[in-house]
Amino acid sequence: MAFLYNFITSISQRLFVIKAAETPDGEIPDPVIALREKCSQHTACRKYKKRYEVCSERVNKTPGTDETCEEELFDFLHHRDQCVAKELFNYLK
């Protein structure tokens, strides 16, 4: 399950062209990362994140299960990304 979450996160990070001041080492900071972390802590998102974590623990403890936590993961990502979208466009070109 963690693989799916990491895959979706990495793909979605590449979809945006971000405007931001360059740091001294020439890198452009990605505000999506900070916004996702901030939005993950909102009350509505925490509920879905907790559901995903509980499901993931249950699946990892049960060998040979066919259960996946896709629904819980997508619910969490959907709510987190709705929150991010409200603020992200302030950073886009």
PDB file of N, CA and C in Angstrom:
ATOM      1  N   MET A   1       0.808  -1.191   0.000  1.00  0.00           N
ATOM      2  CA  MET A   1       0.000   0.000   0.000  1.00  0.00           C
ATOM      3  C   MET A   1       0.856   1.261   0.000  1.00  0.00           C
ATOM      4  N   ALA A   2       1.936   1.223   0.734  1.00  0.00           N
ATOM      5  CA  ALA A   2       2.809   2.391   0.780  1.00  0.00           C
ATOM      6  C   ALA A   2       3.377   2.678  -0.601  1.00  0.00           C
ATOM      7  N   PHE A   3       3.630   1.629  -1.375  1.00  0.00           N
ATOM      8  CA  PHE A   3       4.135   1.822  -2.726  1.00  0.00           C
ATOM      9  C   PHE A   3       3.148   2.620  -3.563  1.00  0.00           C
ATOM     10  N   LEU A   4       1.866   2.270  -3.478  1.00  0.00           N
ATOM     11  CA  LEU A   4       0.843   2.961  -4.248  1.00  0.00           C
ATOM     12  C   LEU A   4       0.762   4.425  -3.845  1.00  0.00           C
ATOM     13  N   TYR A   5       0.798   4.694  -2.543  1.00  0.00           N
ATOM     14  CA  TYR A   5       0.759   6.065  -2.054  1.00  0.00           C
ATOM     15  C   TYR A   5       1.972   6.857  -2.566  1.00  0.00           C
ATOM     16  N   ASN A   6       3.169   6.283  -2.462  1.00  0.00           N
ATOM     17  CA  ASN A   6       4.386   6.964  -2.912  1.00  0.00           C
ATOM     18  C   ASN A   6       4.367   7.186  -4.420  1.00  0.00           C
ATOM     19  N   PHE A   7       3.857   6.218  -5.165  1.00  0.00           N
ATOM     20  CA  PHE A   7       3.786   6.345  -6.616  1.00  0.00           C
ATOM     21  C   PHE A   7       2.865   7.495  -7.006  1.00  0.00           C
ATOM     22  N   ILE A   8       1.679   7.533  -6.427  1.00  0.00           N
ATOM     23  CA  ILE A   8       0.719   8.588  -6.763  1.00  0.00           C
ATOM     24  C   ILE A   8       1.259   9.949  -6.360  1.00  0.00           C
ATOM     25  N   THR A   9       1.897  10.028  -5.216  1.00  0.00           N
ATOM     26  CA  THR A   9       2.471  11.286  -4.759  1.00  0.00           C
ATOM     27  C   THR A   9       3.561  11.774  -5.708  1.00  0.00           C
ATOM     28  N   SER A  10       4.444  10.872  -6.141  1.00  0.00           N
ATOM     29  CA  SER A  10       5.532  11.294  -7.024  1.00  0.00           C
ATOM     30  C   SER A  10       5.016  11.721  -8.393  1.00  0.00           C
ATOM     31  N   ILE A  11       4.016  11.034  -8.903  1.00  0.00           N
ATOM     32  CA  ILE A  11       3.448  11.406 -10.205  1.00  0.00           C
ATOM     33  C   ILE A  11       2.768  12.766 -10.125  1.00  0.00           C
ATOM     34  N   SER A  12       1.976  12.977  -9.092  1.00  0.00           N
ATOM     35  CA  SER A  12       1.252  14.242  -8.981  1.00  0.00           C
ATOM     36  C   SER A  12       2.192  15.423  -8.772  1.00  0.00           C
ATOM     37  N   GLN A  13       3.364  15.205  -8.173  1.00  0.00           N
ATOM     38  CA  GLN A  13       4.320  16.289  -7.990  1.00  0.00           C
ATOM     39  C   GLN A  13       4.889  16.745  -9.324  1.00  0.00           C
ATOM     40  N   ARG A  14       4.963  15.867 -10.282  1.00  0.00           N
ATOM     41  CA  ARG A  14       5.534  16.210 -11.585  1.00  0.00           C
ATOM     42  C   ARG A  14       4.544  16.903 -12.502  1.00  0.00           C
ATOM     43  N   LEU A  15       3.281  16.991 -12.128  1.00  0.00           N
ATOM     44  CA  LEU A  15       2.261  17.562 -12.990  1.00  0.00           C
ATOM     45  C   LEU A  15       2.181  19.081 -12.916  1.00  0.00           C
ATOM     46  N   PHE A  16       2.851  19.687 -11.974  1.00  0.00           N
ATOM     47  CA  PHE A  16       2.725  21.118 -11.767  1.00  0.00           C
ATOM     48  C   PHE A  16       4.027  21.847 -12.080  1.00  0.00           C
ATOM     49  N   VAL A  17       3.885  23.011 -12.708  1.00  0.00           N
ATOM     50  CA  VAL A  17       5.017  23.908 -12.895  1.00  0.00           C
ATOM     51  C   VAL A  17       4.850  24.980 -11.838  1.00  0.00           C
ATOM     52  N   ILE A  18       5.805  25.071 -10.958  1.00  0.00           N
ATOM     53  CA  ILE A  18       5.688  25.932  -9.792  1.00  0.00           C
ATOM     54  C   ILE A  18       6.543  27.180  -9.968  1.00  0.00           C
ATOM     55  N   LYS A  19       5.971  28.339  -9.629  1.00  0.00           N
ATOM     56  CA  LYS A  19       6.773  29.556  -9.598  1.00  0.00           C
ATOM     57  C   LYS A  19       7.173  29.812  -8.165  1.00  0.00           C
ATOM     58  N   ALA A  20       8.413  30.032  -7.953  1.00  0.00           N
ATOM     59  CA  ALA A  20       8.925  30.307  -6.607  1.00  0.00           C
ATOM     60  C   ALA A  20      10.326  30.875  -6.737  1.00  0.00           C
ATOM     61  N   ALA A  21      10.757  31.555  -5.709  1.00  0.00           N
ATOM     62  CA  ALA A  21      12.102  32.093  -5.702  1.00  0.00           C
ATOM     63  C   ALA A  21      13.097  30.945  -5.560  1.00  0.00           C
ATOM     64  N   GLU A  22      14.183  31.038  -6.291  1.00  0.00           N
ATOM     65  CA  GLU A  22      15.214  30.004  -6.188  1.00  0.00           C
ATOM     66  C   GLU A  22      15.969  30.155  -4.875  1.00  0.00           C
ATOM     67  N   THR A  23      16.394  29.033  -4.347  1.00  0.00           N
ATOM     68  CA  THR A  23      17.211  29.051  -3.141  1.00  0.00           C
ATOM     69  C   THR A  23      18.655  29.341  -3.549  1.00  0.00           C
ATOM     70  N   PRO A  24      19.528  29.628  -2.602  1.00  0.00           N
ATOM     71  CA  PRO A  24      20.920  29.939  -2.939  1.00  0.00           C
ATOM     72  C   PRO A  24      21.631  28.840  -3.741  1.00  0.00           C
ATOM     73  N   ASP A  25      21.223  27.585  -3.561  1.00  0.00           N
ATOM     74  CA  ASP A  25      21.875  26.515  -4.312  1.00  0.00           C
ATOM     75  C   ASP A  25      21.243  26.286  -5.685  1.00  0.00           C
ATOM     76  N   GLY A  26      20.318  27.167  -6.096  1.00  0.00           N
ATOM     77  CA  GLY A  26      19.733  27.086  -7.430  1.00  0.00           C
ATOM     78  C   GLY A  26      18.481  26.233  -7.523  1.00  0.00           C
ATOM     79  N   GLU A  27      18.099  25.603  -6.444  1.00  0.00           N
ATOM     80  CA  GLU A  27      16.899  24.761  -6.447  1.00  0.00           C
ATOM     81  C   GLU A  27      15.646  25.612  -6.244  1.00  0.00           C
ATOM     82  N   ILE A  28      14.569  25.217  -6.887  1.00  0.00           N
ATOM     83  CA  ILE A  28      13.287  25.884  -6.691  1.00  0.00           C
ATOM     84  C   ILE A  28      12.489  25.048  -5.699  1.00  0.00           C
ATOM     85  N   PRO A  29      12.124  25.621  -4.551  1.00  0.00           N
ATOM     86  CA  PRO A  29      11.361  24.844  -3.560  1.00  0.00           C
ATOM     87  C   PRO A  29       9.971  24.514  -4.100  1.00  0.00           C
ATOM     88  N   ASP A  30       9.501  23.333  -3.803  1.00  0.00           N
ATOM     89  CA  ASP A  30       8.212  22.880  -4.276  1.00  0.00           C
ATOM     90  C   ASP A  30       7.170  23.095  -3.186  1.00  0.00           C
ATOM     91  N   PRO A  31       6.264  24.062  -3.359  1.00  0.00           N
ATOM     92  CA  PRO A  31       5.273  24.336  -2.318  1.00  0.00           C
ATOM     93  C   PRO A  31       4.250  23.214  -2.163  1.00  0.00           C
ATOM     94  N   VAL A  32       4.131  22.333  -3.148  1.00  0.00           N
ATOM     95  CA  VAL A  32       3.170  21.231  -3.057  1.00  0.00           C
ATOM     96  C   VAL A  32       3.483  20.350  -1.855  1.00  0.00           C
ATOM     97  N   ILE A  33       4.758  20.111  -1.612  1.00  0.00           N
ATOM     98  CA  ILE A  33       5.152  19.241  -0.507  1.00  0.00           C
ATOM     99  C   ILE A  33       4.703  19.842   0.821  1.00  0.00           C
ATOM    100  N   ALA A  34       4.971  21.116   1.016  1.00  0.00           N
ATOM    101  CA  ALA A  34       4.577  21.778   2.257  1.00  0.00           C
ATOM    102  C   ALA A  34       3.059  21.862   2.384  1.00  0.00           C
ATOM    103  N   LEU A  35       2.382  22.151   1.275  1.00  0.00           N
ATOM    104  CA  LEU A  35       0.919  22.242   1.318  1.00  0.00           C
ATOM    105  C   LEU A  35       0.289  20.881   1.620  1.00  0.00           C
ATOM    106  N   ARG A  36       0.844  19.826   1.064  1.00  0.00           N
ATOM    107  CA  ARG A  36       0.304  18.489   1.343  1.00  0.00           C
ATOM    108  C   ARG A  36       0.466  18.133   2.812  1.00  0.00           C
ATOM    109  N   GLU A  37       1.612  18.451   3.362  1.00  0.00           N
ATOM    110  CA  GLU A  37       1.847  18.169   4.778  1.00  0.00           C
ATOM    111  C   GLU A  37       0.877  18.972   5.641  1.00  0.00           C
ATOM    112  N   LYS A  38       0.718  20.242   5.303  1.00  0.00           N
ATOM    113  CA  LYS A  38      -0.191  21.107   6.050  1.00  0.00           C
ATOM    114  C   LYS A  38      -1.630  20.595   5.948  1.00  0.00           C
ATOM    115  N   CYS A  39      -2.058  20.242   4.745  1.00  0.00           N
ATOM    116  CA  CYS A  39      -3.432  19.777   4.545  1.00  0.00           C
ATOM    117  C   CYS A  39      -3.663  18.409   5.166  1.00  0.00           C
ATOM    118  N   SER A  40      -2.638  17.588   5.245  1.00  0.00           N
ATOM    119  CA  SER A  40      -2.782  16.269   5.868  1.00  0.00           C
ATOM    120  C   SER A  40      -3.111  16.383   7.348  1.00  0.00           C
ATOM    121  N   GLN A  41      -2.797  17.537   7.932  1.00  0.00           N
ATOM    122  CA  GLN A  41      -3.049  17.743   9.357  1.00  0.00           C
ATOM    123  C   GLN A  41      -4.422  18.343   9.651  1.00  0.00           C
ATOM    124  N   HIS A  42      -5.145  18.764   8.599  1.00  0.00           N
ATOM    125  CA  HIS A  42      -6.491  19.289   8.822  1.00  0.00           C
ATOM    126  C   HIS A  42      -7.400  18.193   9.360  1.00  0.00           C
ATOM    127  N   THR A  43      -8.369  18.590  10.134  1.00  0.00           N
ATOM    128  CA  THR A  43      -9.258  17.639  10.800  1.00  0.00           C
ATOM    129  C   THR A  43      -9.933  16.689   9.818  1.00  0.00           C
ATOM    130  N   ALA A  44     -10.461  17.204   8.725  1.00  0.00           N
ATOM    131  CA  ALA A  44     -11.158  16.352   7.757  1.00  0.00           C
ATOM    132  C   ALA A  44     -10.206  15.335   7.135  1.00  0.00           C
ATOM    133  N   CYS A  45      -8.997  15.748   6.836  1.00  0.00           N
ATOM    134  CA  CYS A  45      -8.021  14.843   6.218  1.00  0.00           C
ATOM    135  C   CYS A  45      -7.478  13.829   7.224  1.00  0.00           C
ATOM    136  N   ARG A  46      -7.321  14.244   8.459  1.00  0.00           N
ATOM    137  CA  ARG A  46      -6.803  13.318   9.472  1.00  0.00           C
ATOM    138  C   ARG A  46      -7.703  12.105   9.636  1.00  0.00           C
ATOM    139  N   LYS A  47      -9.007  12.322   9.515  1.00  0.00           N
ATOM    140  CA  LYS A  47      -9.958  11.226   9.642  1.00  0.00           C
ATOM    141  C   LYS A  47      -9.700  10.176   8.560  1.00  0.00           C
ATOM    142  N   TYR A  48      -9.498  10.618   7.336  1.00  0.00           N
ATOM    143  CA  TYR A  48      -9.266   9.693   6.227  1.00  0.00           C
ATOM    144  C   TYR A  48      -7.875   9.065   6.301  1.00  0.00           C
ATOM    145  N   LYS A  49      -6.908   9.837   6.758  1.00  0.00           N
ATOM    146  CA  LYS A  49      -5.560   9.295   6.919  1.00  0.00           C
ATOM    147  C   LYS A  49      -5.550   8.196   7.980  1.00  0.00           C
ATOM    148  N   LYS A  50      -6.271   8.412   9.057  1.00  0.00           N
ATOM    149  CA  LYS A  50      -6.349   7.412  10.123  1.00  0.00           C
ATOM    150  C   LYS A  50      -7.020   6.135   9.622  1.00  0.00           C
ATOM    151  N   ARG A  51      -8.083   6.279   8.820  1.00  0.00           N
ATOM    152  CA  ARG A  51      -8.752   5.105   8.246  1.00  0.00           C
ATOM    153  C   ARG A  51      -7.790   4.309   7.370  1.00  0.00           C
ATOM    154  N   TYR A  52      -6.978   5.022   6.587  1.00  0.00           N
ATOM    155  CA  TYR A  52      -6.004   4.352   5.726  1.00  0.00           C
ATOM    156  C   TYR A  52      -4.952   3.629   6.568  1.00  0.00           C
ATOM    157  N   GLU A  53      -4.444   4.289   7.592  1.00  0.00           N
ATOM    158  CA  GLU A  53      -3.421   3.678   8.441  1.00  0.00           C
ATOM    159  C   GLU A  53      -3.946   2.436   9.156  1.00  0.00           C
ATOM    160  N   VAL A  54      -5.178   2.496   9.653  1.00  0.00           N
ATOM    161  CA  VAL A  54      -5.775   1.344  10.330  1.00  0.00           C
ATOM    162  C   VAL A  54      -5.927   0.187   9.342  1.00  0.00           C
ATOM    163  N   CYS A  55      -6.404   0.489   8.148  1.00  0.00           N
ATOM    164  CA  CYS A  55      -6.561  -0.553   7.125  1.00  0.00           C
ATOM    165  C   CYS A  55      -5.213  -1.146   6.748  1.00  0.00           C
ATOM    166  N   SER A  56      -4.234  -0.296   6.556  1.00  0.00           N
ATOM    167  CA  SER A  56      -2.909  -0.762   6.171  1.00  0.00           C
ATOM    168  C   SER A  56      -2.311  -1.678   7.231  1.00  0.00           C
ATOM    169  N   GLU A  57      -2.461  -1.305   8.490  1.00  0.00           N
ATOM    170  CA  GLU A  57      -1.969  -2.158   9.576  1.00  0.00           C
ATOM    171  C   GLU A  57      -2.682  -3.509   9.574  1.00  0.00           C
ATOM    172  N   ARG A  58      -3.994  -3.478   9.371  1.00  0.00           N
ATOM    173  CA  ARG A  58      -4.779  -4.712   9.358  1.00  0.00           C
ATOM    174  C   ARG A  58      -4.335  -5.622   8.217  1.00  0.00           C
ATOM    175  N   VAL A  59      -4.121  -5.053   7.045  1.00  0.00           N
ATOM    176  CA  VAL A  59      -3.699  -5.836   5.879  1.00  0.00           C
ATOM    177  C   VAL A  59      -2.301  -6.403   6.090  1.00  0.00           C
ATOM    178  N   ASN A  60      -1.411  -5.605   6.650  1.00  0.00           N
ATOM    179  CA  ASN A  60      -0.042  -6.066   6.873  1.00  0.00           C
ATOM    180  C   ASN A  60       0.038  -7.161   7.935  1.00  0.00           C
ATOM    181  N   LYS A  61      -0.893  -7.179   8.865  1.00  0.00           N
ATOM    182  CA  LYS A  61      -0.892  -8.196   9.916  1.00  0.00           C
ATOM    183  C   LYS A  61      -1.548  -9.503   9.474  1.00  0.00           C
ATOM    184  N   THR A  62      -2.320  -9.465   8.393  1.00  0.00           N
ATOM    185  CA  THR A  62      -3.058 -10.643   7.941  1.00  0.00           C
ATOM    186  C   THR A  62      -2.369 -11.232   6.712  1.00  0.00           C
ATOM    187  N   PRO A  63      -1.633 -12.316   6.880  1.00  0.00           N
ATOM    188  CA  PRO A  63      -0.959 -12.913   5.717  1.00  0.00           C
ATOM    189  C   PRO A  63      -1.964 -13.576   4.777  1.00  0.00           C
ATOM    190  N   GLY A  64      -1.705 -13.436   3.496  1.00  0.00           N
ATOM    191  CA  GLY A  64      -2.541 -14.081   2.490  1.00  0.00           C
ATOM    192  C   GLY A  64      -3.889 -13.423   2.261  1.00  0.00           C
ATOM    193  N   THR A  65      -4.067 -12.201   2.714  1.00  0.00           N
ATOM    194  CA  THR A  65      -5.355 -11.527   2.533  1.00  0.00           C
ATOM    195  C   THR A  65      -5.463 -10.942   1.126  1.00  0.00           C
ATOM    196  N   ASP A  66      -6.678 -10.887   0.625  1.00  0.00           N
ATOM    197  CA  ASP A  66      -6.935 -10.274  -0.674  1.00  0.00           C
ATOM    198  C   ASP A  66      -7.376  -8.820  -0.517  1.00  0.00           C
ATOM    199  N   GLU A  67      -7.525  -8.402   0.717  1.00  0.00           N
ATOM    200  CA  GLU A  67      -7.981  -7.043   0.982  1.00  0.00           C
ATOM    201  C   GLU A  67      -6.890  -6.035   0.608  1.00  0.00           C
ATOM    202  N   THR A  68      -7.320  -4.952   0.016  1.00  0.00           N
ATOM    203  CA  THR A  68      -6.422  -3.824  -0.240  1.00  0.00           C
ATOM    204  C   THR A  68      -7.025  -2.598   0.426  1.00  0.00           C
ATOM    205  N   CYS A  69      -6.255  -1.577   0.526  1.00  0.00           N
ATOM    206  CA  CYS A  69      -6.734  -0.344   1.151  1.00  0.00           C
ATOM    207  C   CYS A  69      -6.865   0.768   0.111  1.00  0.00           C
ATOM    208  N   GLU A  70      -7.149   0.388  -1.107  1.00  0.00           N
ATOM    209  CA  GLU A  70      -7.247   1.378  -2.180  1.00  0.00           C
ATOM    210  C   GLU A  70      -8.302   2.430  -1.890  1.00  0.00           C
ATOM    211  N   GLU A  71      -9.460   1.996  -1.460  1.00  0.00           N
ATOM    212  CA  GLU A  71     -10.545   2.946  -1.201  1.00  0.00           C
ATOM    213  C   GLU A  71     -10.138   3.963  -0.144  1.00  0.00           C
ATOM    214  N   GLU A  72      -9.551   3.490   0.933  1.00  0.00           N
ATOM    215  CA  GLU A  72      -9.127   4.380   2.012  1.00  0.00           C
ATOM    216  C   GLU A  72      -8.031   5.336   1.540  1.00  0.00           C
ATOM    217  N   LEU A  73      -7.097   4.808   0.744  1.00  0.00           N
ATOM    218  CA  LEU A  73      -6.021   5.643   0.221  1.00  0.00           C
ATOM    219  C   LEU A  73      -6.566   6.736  -0.687  1.00  0.00           C
ATOM    220  N   PHE A  74      -7.426   6.339  -1.621  1.00  0.00           N
ATOM    221  CA  PHE A  74      -7.967   7.324  -2.558  1.00  0.00           C
ATOM    222  C   PHE A  74      -8.862   8.348  -1.860  1.00  0.00           C
ATOM    223  N   ASP A  75      -9.590   7.940  -0.828  1.00  0.00           N
ATOM    224  CA  ASP A  75     -10.379   8.904  -0.058  1.00  0.00           C
ATOM    225  C   ASP A  75      -9.474   9.941   0.584  1.00  0.00           C
ATOM    226  N   PHE A  76      -8.387   9.473   1.209  1.00  0.00           N
ATOM    227  CA  PHE A  76      -7.443  10.395   1.845  1.00  0.00           C
ATOM    228  C   PHE A  76      -6.810  11.332   0.818  1.00  0.00           C
ATOM    229  N   LEU A  77      -6.309  10.782  -0.292  1.00  0.00           N
ATOM    230  CA  LEU A  77      -5.655  11.607  -1.310  1.00  0.00           C
ATOM    231  C   LEU A  77      -6.632  12.625  -1.906  1.00  0.00           C
ATOM    232  N   HIS A  78      -7.861  12.212  -2.108  1.00  0.00           N
ATOM    233  CA  HIS A  78      -8.874  13.111  -2.665  1.00  0.00           C
ATOM    234  C   HIS A  78      -9.100  14.309  -1.739  1.00  0.00           C
ATOM    235  N   HIS A  79      -9.309  14.047  -0.472  1.00  0.00           N
ATOM    236  CA  HIS A  79      -9.569  15.135   0.467  1.00  0.00           C
ATOM    237  C   HIS A  79      -8.336  16.010   0.684  1.00  0.00           C
ATOM    238  N   ARG A  80      -7.174  15.404   0.732  1.00  0.00           N
ATOM    239  CA  ARG A  80      -5.943  16.180   0.892  1.00  0.00           C
ATOM    240  C   ARG A  80      -5.720  17.071  -0.331  1.00  0.00           C
ATOM    241  N   ASP A  81      -5.918  16.515  -1.521  1.00  0.00           N
ATOM    242  CA  ASP A  81      -5.678  17.291  -2.734  1.00  0.00           C
ATOM    243  C   ASP A  81      -6.720  18.384  -2.943  1.00  0.00           C
ATOM    244  N   GLN A  82      -7.933  18.193  -2.449  1.00  0.00           N
ATOM    245  CA  GLN A  82      -8.913  19.274  -2.497  1.00  0.00           C
ATOM    246  C   GLN A  82      -8.434  20.453  -1.668  1.00  0.00           C
ATOM    247  N   CYS A  83      -7.879  20.168  -0.525  1.00  0.00           N
ATOM    248  CA  CYS A  83      -7.332  21.211   0.341  1.00  0.00           C
ATOM    249  C   CYS A  83      -6.142  21.904  -0.330  1.00  0.00           C
ATOM    250  N   VAL A  84      -5.250  21.121  -0.908  1.00  0.00           N
ATOM    251  CA  VAL A  84      -4.065  21.666  -1.576  1.00  0.00           C
ATOM    252  C   VAL A  84      -4.474  22.562  -2.735  1.00  0.00           C
ATOM    253  N   ALA A  85      -5.467  22.145  -3.502  1.00  0.00           N
ATOM    254  CA  ALA A  85      -5.888  22.900  -4.687  1.00  0.00           C
ATOM    255  C   ALA A  85      -6.360  24.303  -4.345  1.00  0.00           C
ATOM    256  N   LYS A  86      -6.928  24.479  -3.171  1.00  0.00           N
ATOM    257  CA  LYS A  86      -7.406  25.802  -2.772  1.00  0.00           C
ATOM    258  C   LYS A  86      -6.265  26.806  -2.661  1.00  0.00           C
ATOM    259  N   GLU A  87      -5.084  26.345  -2.275  1.00  0.00           N
ATOM    260  CA  GLU A  87      -3.954  27.242  -2.046  1.00  0.00           C
ATOM    261  C   GLU A  87      -2.879  27.156  -3.122  1.00  0.00           C
ATOM    262  N   LEU A  88      -2.825  26.046  -3.826  1.00  0.00           N
ATOM    263  CA  LEU A  88      -1.734  25.808  -4.768  1.00  0.00           C
ATOM    264  C   LEU A  88      -1.694  26.808  -5.903  1.00  0.00           C
ATOM    265  N   PHE A  89      -2.843  27.218  -6.394  1.00  0.00           N
ATOM    266  CA  PHE A  89      -2.859  28.082  -7.556  1.00  0.00           C
ATOM    267  C   PHE A  89      -2.268  29.461  -7.293  1.00  0.00           C
ATOM    268  N   ASN A  90      -2.064  29.804  -6.047  1.00  0.00           N
ATOM    269  CA  ASN A  90      -1.349  31.035  -5.722  1.00  0.00           C
ATOM    270  C   ASN A  90       0.136  30.936  -6.092  1.00  0.00           C
ATOM    271  N   TYR A  91       0.637  29.701  -6.244  1.00  0.00           N
ATOM    272  CA  TYR A  91       2.052  29.471  -6.541  1.00  0.00           C
ATOM    273  C   TYR A  91       2.319  29.127  -8.004  1.00  0.00           C
ATOM    274  N   LEU A  92       1.278  28.873  -8.778  1.00  0.00           N
ATOM    275  CA  LEU A  92       1.476  28.452 -10.167  1.00  0.00           C
ATOM    276  C   LEU A  92       1.742  29.623 -11.086  1.00  0.00           C
ATOM    277  N   LYS A  93       2.447  29.359 -12.157  1.00  0.00           N
ATOM    278  CA  LYS A  93       2.715  30.393 -13.164  1.00  0.00           C
ATOM    279  C   LYS A  93       1.467  30.655 -13.966  1.00  0.00           C
TER     280      LYS A  93
END
